[in-house]
N, C-alpha and C. Protein backbone atom coordinates (compact mmCIF):
# COMPACT_ATOMS: atom_id res chain seq x y z
N UNK A 1 -246.36 43.39 87.71
CA UNK A 1 -246.12 44.75 87.24
C UNK A 1 -247.39 45.30 86.61
N UNK A 2 -247.64 46.55 86.83
CA UNK A 2 -248.82 47.22 86.29
C UNK A 2 -248.64 47.42 84.78
N UNK A 3 -249.71 47.19 84.04
CA UNK A 3 -249.65 47.41 82.61
C UNK A 3 -249.24 48.85 82.33
N UNK A 4 -248.40 49.05 81.34
CA UNK A 4 -247.81 50.36 81.06
C UNK A 4 -248.85 51.43 80.82
N UNK A 5 -249.91 51.13 80.08
CA UNK A 5 -250.90 52.16 79.80
C UNK A 5 -251.63 52.59 81.07
N UNK A 6 -251.86 51.68 82.00
CA UNK A 6 -252.50 52.04 83.27
C UNK A 6 -251.57 52.89 84.13
N UNK A 7 -250.30 52.55 84.12
CA UNK A 7 -249.31 53.33 84.85
C UNK A 7 -249.23 54.76 84.31
N UNK A 8 -249.18 54.90 82.99
CA UNK A 8 -249.12 56.23 82.38
C UNK A 8 -250.40 57.03 82.66
N UNK A 9 -251.55 56.37 82.58
CA UNK A 9 -252.82 57.06 82.88
C UNK A 9 -252.83 57.53 84.33
N UNK A 10 -252.32 56.72 85.23
CA UNK A 10 -252.27 57.09 86.65
C UNK A 10 -251.35 58.30 86.87
N UNK A 11 -250.25 58.36 86.15
CA UNK A 11 -249.36 59.52 86.27
C UNK A 11 -250.05 60.78 85.76
N UNK A 12 -250.81 60.67 84.66
CA UNK A 12 -251.55 61.83 84.15
C UNK A 12 -252.61 62.28 85.18
N UNK A 13 -253.24 61.33 85.83
CA UNK A 13 -254.22 61.68 86.87
C UNK A 13 -253.52 62.41 88.02
N UNK A 14 -252.38 61.89 88.44
CA UNK A 14 -251.63 62.53 89.53
C UNK A 14 -251.22 63.95 89.13
N UNK A 15 -250.76 64.13 87.90
CA UNK A 15 -250.36 65.45 87.43
C UNK A 15 -251.54 66.42 87.45
N UNK A 16 -252.68 65.95 86.96
CA UNK A 16 -253.87 66.79 86.93
C UNK A 16 -254.26 67.21 88.35
N UNK A 17 -254.16 66.29 89.30
CA UNK A 17 -254.50 66.61 90.69
C UNK A 17 -253.51 67.59 91.31
N UNK A 18 -252.24 67.49 90.94
CA UNK A 18 -251.24 68.45 91.43
C UNK A 18 -251.56 69.85 90.89
N UNK A 19 -251.91 69.94 89.61
CA UNK A 19 -252.29 71.23 89.04
C UNK A 19 -253.51 71.80 89.78
N UNK A 20 -254.50 70.97 90.01
CA UNK A 20 -255.71 71.40 90.71
C UNK A 20 -255.39 71.84 92.14
N UNK A 21 -254.55 71.07 92.83
CA UNK A 21 -254.15 71.43 94.19
C UNK A 21 -253.47 72.79 94.21
N UNK A 22 -252.60 73.05 93.25
CA UNK A 22 -251.94 74.35 93.17
C UNK A 22 -252.94 75.48 93.01
N UNK A 23 -253.94 75.27 92.15
CA UNK A 23 -254.96 76.30 91.95
C UNK A 23 -255.76 76.54 93.22
N UNK A 24 -256.14 75.48 93.90
CA UNK A 24 -256.92 75.61 95.14
C UNK A 24 -256.09 76.31 96.21
N UNK A 25 -254.85 75.91 96.39
CA UNK A 25 -254.00 76.54 97.39
C UNK A 25 -253.76 78.02 97.08
N UNK A 26 -253.61 78.33 95.79
CA UNK A 26 -253.41 79.72 95.38
C UNK A 26 -254.62 80.58 95.77
N UNK A 27 -255.81 80.04 95.62
CA UNK A 27 -257.03 80.76 96.00
C UNK A 27 -257.11 80.92 97.51
N UNK A 28 -256.92 79.80 98.25
CA UNK A 28 -257.05 79.85 99.71
C UNK A 28 -255.96 80.68 100.38
N UNK A 29 -254.77 80.73 99.77
CA UNK A 29 -253.67 81.50 100.37
C UNK A 29 -253.83 83.00 100.14
N UNK A 30 -254.72 83.36 99.22
CA UNK A 30 -254.88 84.76 98.88
C UNK A 30 -253.92 85.23 97.81
N UNK A 31 -253.14 84.30 97.26
CA UNK A 31 -252.19 84.66 96.20
C UNK A 31 -252.90 84.94 94.87
N UNK A 32 -254.15 84.53 94.77
CA UNK A 32 -254.91 84.74 93.55
C UNK A 32 -256.29 85.25 93.93
N UNK A 33 -256.68 86.34 93.34
CA UNK A 33 -258.00 86.90 93.58
C UNK A 33 -258.80 86.83 92.29
N UNK A 34 -260.11 86.73 92.42
CA UNK A 34 -260.98 86.62 91.24
C UNK A 34 -260.68 87.74 90.25
N UNK A 35 -260.41 87.36 89.01
CA UNK A 35 -260.13 88.32 87.96
C UNK A 35 -258.71 88.84 87.92
N UNK A 36 -257.88 88.45 88.89
CA UNK A 36 -256.50 88.92 88.96
C UNK A 36 -255.62 88.05 88.07
N UNK A 37 -255.03 88.68 87.05
CA UNK A 37 -254.15 87.95 86.14
C UNK A 37 -252.86 88.72 85.93
N UNK A 38 -252.27 89.20 87.02
CA UNK A 38 -251.00 89.93 86.96
C UNK A 38 -251.04 91.11 86.00
N UNK A 39 -251.99 92.00 86.21
CA UNK A 39 -252.09 93.28 85.50
C UNK A 39 -252.49 93.16 84.04
N UNK A 40 -252.85 91.99 83.56
CA UNK A 40 -253.32 91.89 82.19
C UNK A 40 -254.78 91.44 82.21
N UNK A 41 -255.56 92.01 81.36
CA UNK A 41 -256.98 91.68 81.28
C UNK A 41 -257.14 90.49 80.34
N UNK A 42 -257.62 89.38 80.87
CA UNK A 42 -257.82 88.20 80.05
C UNK A 42 -259.07 88.36 79.21
N UNK A 43 -258.95 88.01 77.95
CA UNK A 43 -260.09 88.02 77.03
C UNK A 43 -260.66 86.61 76.94
N UNK A 44 -261.82 86.48 76.34
CA UNK A 44 -262.42 85.15 76.17
C UNK A 44 -261.51 84.20 75.38
N UNK A 45 -260.86 84.65 74.29
CA UNK A 45 -259.93 83.74 73.61
C UNK A 45 -258.76 83.29 74.50
N UNK A 46 -258.30 84.18 75.38
CA UNK A 46 -257.21 83.80 76.29
C UNK A 46 -257.70 82.74 77.28
N UNK A 47 -258.90 82.93 77.83
CA UNK A 47 -259.46 81.94 78.75
C UNK A 47 -259.69 80.61 78.03
N UNK A 48 -260.11 80.67 76.77
CA UNK A 48 -260.28 79.45 75.99
C UNK A 48 -258.93 78.73 75.84
N UNK A 49 -257.88 79.50 75.55
CA UNK A 49 -256.55 78.90 75.44
C UNK A 49 -256.11 78.23 76.72
N UNK A 50 -256.34 78.88 77.86
CA UNK A 50 -255.99 78.30 79.16
C UNK A 50 -256.79 77.02 79.40
N UNK A 51 -258.08 77.05 79.05
CA UNK A 51 -258.90 75.85 79.28
C UNK A 51 -258.45 74.70 78.38
N UNK A 52 -258.08 75.00 77.15
CA UNK A 52 -257.56 73.95 76.25
C UNK A 52 -256.27 73.37 76.83
N UNK A 53 -255.39 74.24 77.28
CA UNK A 53 -254.13 73.78 77.86
C UNK A 53 -254.37 72.87 79.07
N UNK A 54 -255.31 73.26 79.92
CA UNK A 54 -255.52 72.50 81.15
C UNK A 54 -256.37 71.24 80.96
N UNK A 55 -257.05 71.12 79.83
CA UNK A 55 -257.82 69.90 79.57
C UNK A 55 -256.93 68.82 78.95
N UNK A 56 -255.75 69.19 78.48
CA UNK A 56 -254.86 68.22 77.83
C UNK A 56 -254.52 67.04 78.75
N UNK A 57 -254.14 67.25 80.04
CA UNK A 57 -253.88 66.08 80.89
C UNK A 57 -255.10 65.17 81.04
N UNK A 58 -256.29 65.75 81.05
CA UNK A 58 -257.51 64.93 81.14
C UNK A 58 -257.68 64.09 79.88
N UNK A 59 -257.47 64.72 78.73
CA UNK A 59 -257.55 63.99 77.46
C UNK A 59 -256.47 62.91 77.39
N UNK A 60 -255.29 63.21 77.94
CA UNK A 60 -254.20 62.23 77.92
C UNK A 60 -254.55 60.97 78.70
N UNK A 61 -255.34 61.10 79.75
CA UNK A 61 -255.77 59.91 80.49
C UNK A 61 -256.53 58.98 79.55
N UNK A 62 -257.48 59.53 78.83
CA UNK A 62 -258.28 58.72 77.91
C UNK A 62 -257.45 58.20 76.74
N UNK A 63 -256.64 59.07 76.14
CA UNK A 63 -255.82 58.62 75.01
C UNK A 63 -254.86 57.51 75.42
N UNK A 64 -254.30 57.62 76.61
CA UNK A 64 -253.37 56.60 77.09
C UNK A 64 -254.07 55.25 77.23
N UNK A 65 -255.33 55.27 77.60
CA UNK A 65 -256.07 54.02 77.75
C UNK A 65 -256.60 53.49 76.43
N UNK A 66 -256.76 54.36 75.42
CA UNK A 66 -257.41 53.95 74.17
C UNK A 66 -256.48 53.74 72.98
N UNK A 67 -255.39 54.48 72.89
CA UNK A 67 -254.53 54.40 71.71
C UNK A 67 -253.68 53.13 71.72
N UNK A 68 -253.30 52.70 70.53
CA UNK A 68 -252.38 51.58 70.40
C UNK A 68 -250.98 51.96 70.85
N UNK A 69 -250.17 50.98 71.15
CA UNK A 69 -248.85 51.21 71.76
C UNK A 69 -247.95 52.16 71.00
N UNK A 70 -247.71 51.99 69.70
CA UNK A 70 -246.72 52.87 69.06
C UNK A 70 -247.13 54.35 69.10
N UNK A 71 -248.37 54.63 68.77
CA UNK A 71 -248.85 56.02 68.78
C UNK A 71 -248.92 56.52 70.22
N UNK A 72 -249.44 55.71 71.11
CA UNK A 72 -249.59 56.04 72.52
C UNK A 72 -248.25 56.45 73.12
N UNK A 73 -247.25 55.66 72.83
CA UNK A 73 -245.90 55.93 73.35
C UNK A 73 -245.43 57.32 72.96
N UNK A 74 -245.54 57.65 71.67
CA UNK A 74 -245.04 58.93 71.19
C UNK A 74 -245.90 60.11 71.63
N UNK A 75 -247.21 59.93 71.70
CA UNK A 75 -248.08 61.00 72.18
C UNK A 75 -247.73 61.33 73.63
N UNK A 76 -247.52 60.30 74.46
CA UNK A 76 -247.14 60.52 75.85
C UNK A 76 -245.81 61.25 75.97
N UNK A 77 -244.83 60.85 75.18
CA UNK A 77 -243.52 61.49 75.23
C UNK A 77 -243.61 62.95 74.82
N UNK A 78 -244.28 63.23 73.72
CA UNK A 78 -244.37 64.59 73.19
C UNK A 78 -245.14 65.51 74.14
N UNK A 79 -246.30 65.06 74.60
CA UNK A 79 -247.13 65.92 75.45
C UNK A 79 -246.47 66.13 76.81
N UNK A 80 -245.90 65.08 77.40
CA UNK A 80 -245.23 65.23 78.69
C UNK A 80 -244.01 66.13 78.57
N UNK A 81 -243.26 66.01 77.48
CA UNK A 81 -242.10 66.88 77.27
C UNK A 81 -242.54 68.34 77.11
N UNK A 82 -243.65 68.56 76.40
CA UNK A 82 -244.19 69.91 76.27
C UNK A 82 -244.53 70.50 77.64
N UNK A 83 -245.27 69.75 78.47
CA UNK A 83 -245.64 70.24 79.79
C UNK A 83 -244.41 70.44 80.68
N UNK A 84 -243.42 69.57 80.55
CA UNK A 84 -242.18 69.74 81.31
C UNK A 84 -241.55 71.09 80.98
N UNK A 85 -241.37 71.37 79.69
CA UNK A 85 -240.74 72.63 79.27
C UNK A 85 -241.62 73.83 79.64
N UNK A 86 -242.92 73.72 79.43
CA UNK A 86 -243.85 74.80 79.76
C UNK A 86 -243.76 75.18 81.24
N UNK A 87 -243.77 74.16 82.11
CA UNK A 87 -243.71 74.42 83.55
C UNK A 87 -242.31 74.85 84.00
N UNK A 88 -241.29 74.33 83.36
CA UNK A 88 -239.92 74.74 83.69
C UNK A 88 -239.72 76.23 83.40
N UNK A 89 -240.23 76.68 82.26
CA UNK A 89 -240.13 78.09 81.90
C UNK A 89 -240.95 78.94 82.88
N UNK A 90 -242.11 78.45 83.29
CA UNK A 90 -242.97 79.21 84.19
C UNK A 90 -242.56 79.17 85.65
N UNK A 91 -241.69 78.26 86.03
CA UNK A 91 -241.30 78.09 87.43
C UNK A 91 -240.85 79.39 88.10
N UNK A 92 -240.00 80.20 87.48
CA UNK A 92 -239.56 81.42 88.16
C UNK A 92 -240.67 82.45 88.39
N UNK A 93 -241.79 82.33 87.69
CA UNK A 93 -242.86 83.32 87.84
C UNK A 93 -243.71 83.09 89.08
N UNK A 94 -243.57 81.94 89.72
CA UNK A 94 -244.34 81.63 90.93
C UNK A 94 -243.57 82.10 92.15
N UNK A 95 -244.25 82.80 93.06
CA UNK A 95 -243.57 83.35 94.23
C UNK A 95 -243.70 82.45 95.45
N UNK A 96 -244.79 81.72 95.56
CA UNK A 96 -245.01 80.89 96.75
C UNK A 96 -244.16 79.63 96.75
N UNK A 97 -243.65 79.28 97.93
CA UNK A 97 -242.87 78.04 98.05
C UNK A 97 -243.72 76.82 97.71
N UNK A 98 -245.00 76.84 98.11
CA UNK A 98 -245.88 75.71 97.79
C UNK A 98 -246.04 75.57 96.28
N UNK A 99 -246.12 76.72 95.56
CA UNK A 99 -246.24 76.68 94.11
C UNK A 99 -244.99 76.07 93.48
N UNK A 100 -243.83 76.53 93.92
CA UNK A 100 -242.58 76.01 93.38
C UNK A 100 -242.46 74.51 93.65
N UNK A 101 -242.83 74.09 94.87
CA UNK A 101 -242.81 72.67 95.22
C UNK A 101 -243.72 71.87 94.30
N UNK A 102 -244.96 72.35 94.11
CA UNK A 102 -245.91 71.62 93.27
C UNK A 102 -245.48 71.59 91.81
N UNK A 103 -244.87 72.67 91.33
CA UNK A 103 -244.36 72.67 89.96
C UNK A 103 -243.25 71.63 89.81
N UNK A 104 -242.36 71.54 90.80
CA UNK A 104 -241.29 70.53 90.76
C UNK A 104 -241.89 69.12 90.79
N UNK A 105 -242.91 68.90 91.61
CA UNK A 105 -243.59 67.60 91.64
C UNK A 105 -244.17 67.30 90.25
N UNK A 106 -244.78 68.31 89.63
CA UNK A 106 -245.30 68.13 88.28
C UNK A 106 -244.21 67.80 87.28
N UNK A 107 -243.04 68.45 87.42
CA UNK A 107 -241.91 68.15 86.55
C UNK A 107 -241.47 66.69 86.71
N UNK A 108 -241.48 66.22 87.95
CA UNK A 108 -241.12 64.81 88.20
C UNK A 108 -242.11 63.89 87.51
N UNK A 109 -243.41 64.20 87.64
CA UNK A 109 -244.43 63.37 86.97
C UNK A 109 -244.26 63.39 85.46
N UNK A 110 -243.95 64.57 84.89
CA UNK A 110 -243.71 64.64 83.45
C UNK A 110 -242.48 63.83 83.07
N UNK A 111 -241.43 63.91 83.88
CA UNK A 111 -240.24 63.10 83.62
C UNK A 111 -240.53 61.61 83.70
N UNK A 112 -241.35 61.21 84.67
CA UNK A 112 -241.74 59.80 84.78
C UNK A 112 -242.51 59.35 83.55
N UNK A 113 -243.40 60.22 83.07
CA UNK A 113 -244.18 59.87 81.88
C UNK A 113 -243.27 59.65 80.69
N UNK A 114 -242.33 60.55 80.49
CA UNK A 114 -241.39 60.40 79.36
C UNK A 114 -240.57 59.12 79.55
N UNK A 115 -240.08 58.88 80.75
CA UNK A 115 -239.26 57.70 81.03
C UNK A 115 -240.03 56.40 80.74
N UNK A 116 -241.22 56.29 81.32
CA UNK A 116 -241.99 55.05 81.14
C UNK A 116 -242.46 54.88 79.70
N UNK A 117 -242.83 55.97 79.04
CA UNK A 117 -243.24 55.86 77.64
C UNK A 117 -242.05 55.51 76.75
N UNK A 118 -240.90 56.12 77.02
CA UNK A 118 -239.70 55.86 76.22
C UNK A 118 -239.28 54.38 76.31
N UNK A 119 -239.43 53.81 77.49
CA UNK A 119 -239.02 52.43 77.71
C UNK A 119 -240.16 51.42 77.50
N UNK A 120 -241.22 51.85 76.85
CA UNK A 120 -242.38 50.99 76.61
C UNK A 120 -242.16 50.25 75.30
N UNK A 121 -241.97 48.97 75.38
CA UNK A 121 -241.81 48.15 74.18
C UNK A 121 -243.11 47.43 73.87
N UNK A 122 -243.32 47.18 72.61
CA UNK A 122 -244.54 46.47 72.20
C UNK A 122 -244.47 45.05 72.73
N UNK A 123 -245.62 44.56 73.11
CA UNK A 123 -245.57 43.19 73.59
C UNK A 123 -246.76 42.70 74.25
């Protein structure tokens, strides 16, 4: 069996790649154009917020590999639950079937993270 921290880090990597794939497909499909943010003008603080949000899965890869088990377990549960709820709320705003599919895949990965972290016993 794969060590729990490696399994969790791999799930975070998979989630990050799904997010990236969605962004790439959105650009190539023409669903997103440069500077287009659904009629709202993004400011630098808004872009900073988006970048902080999207760097969290990358940071989680490192934290999962570096933190001790008790803290690691709870950080994974809390952050994955946050992303699950964030994406669940955002799901209806996506119009493309590929977007909805990728969001559901991301929800599955977040659910897996919570499941594996919840069942992670010290040892």
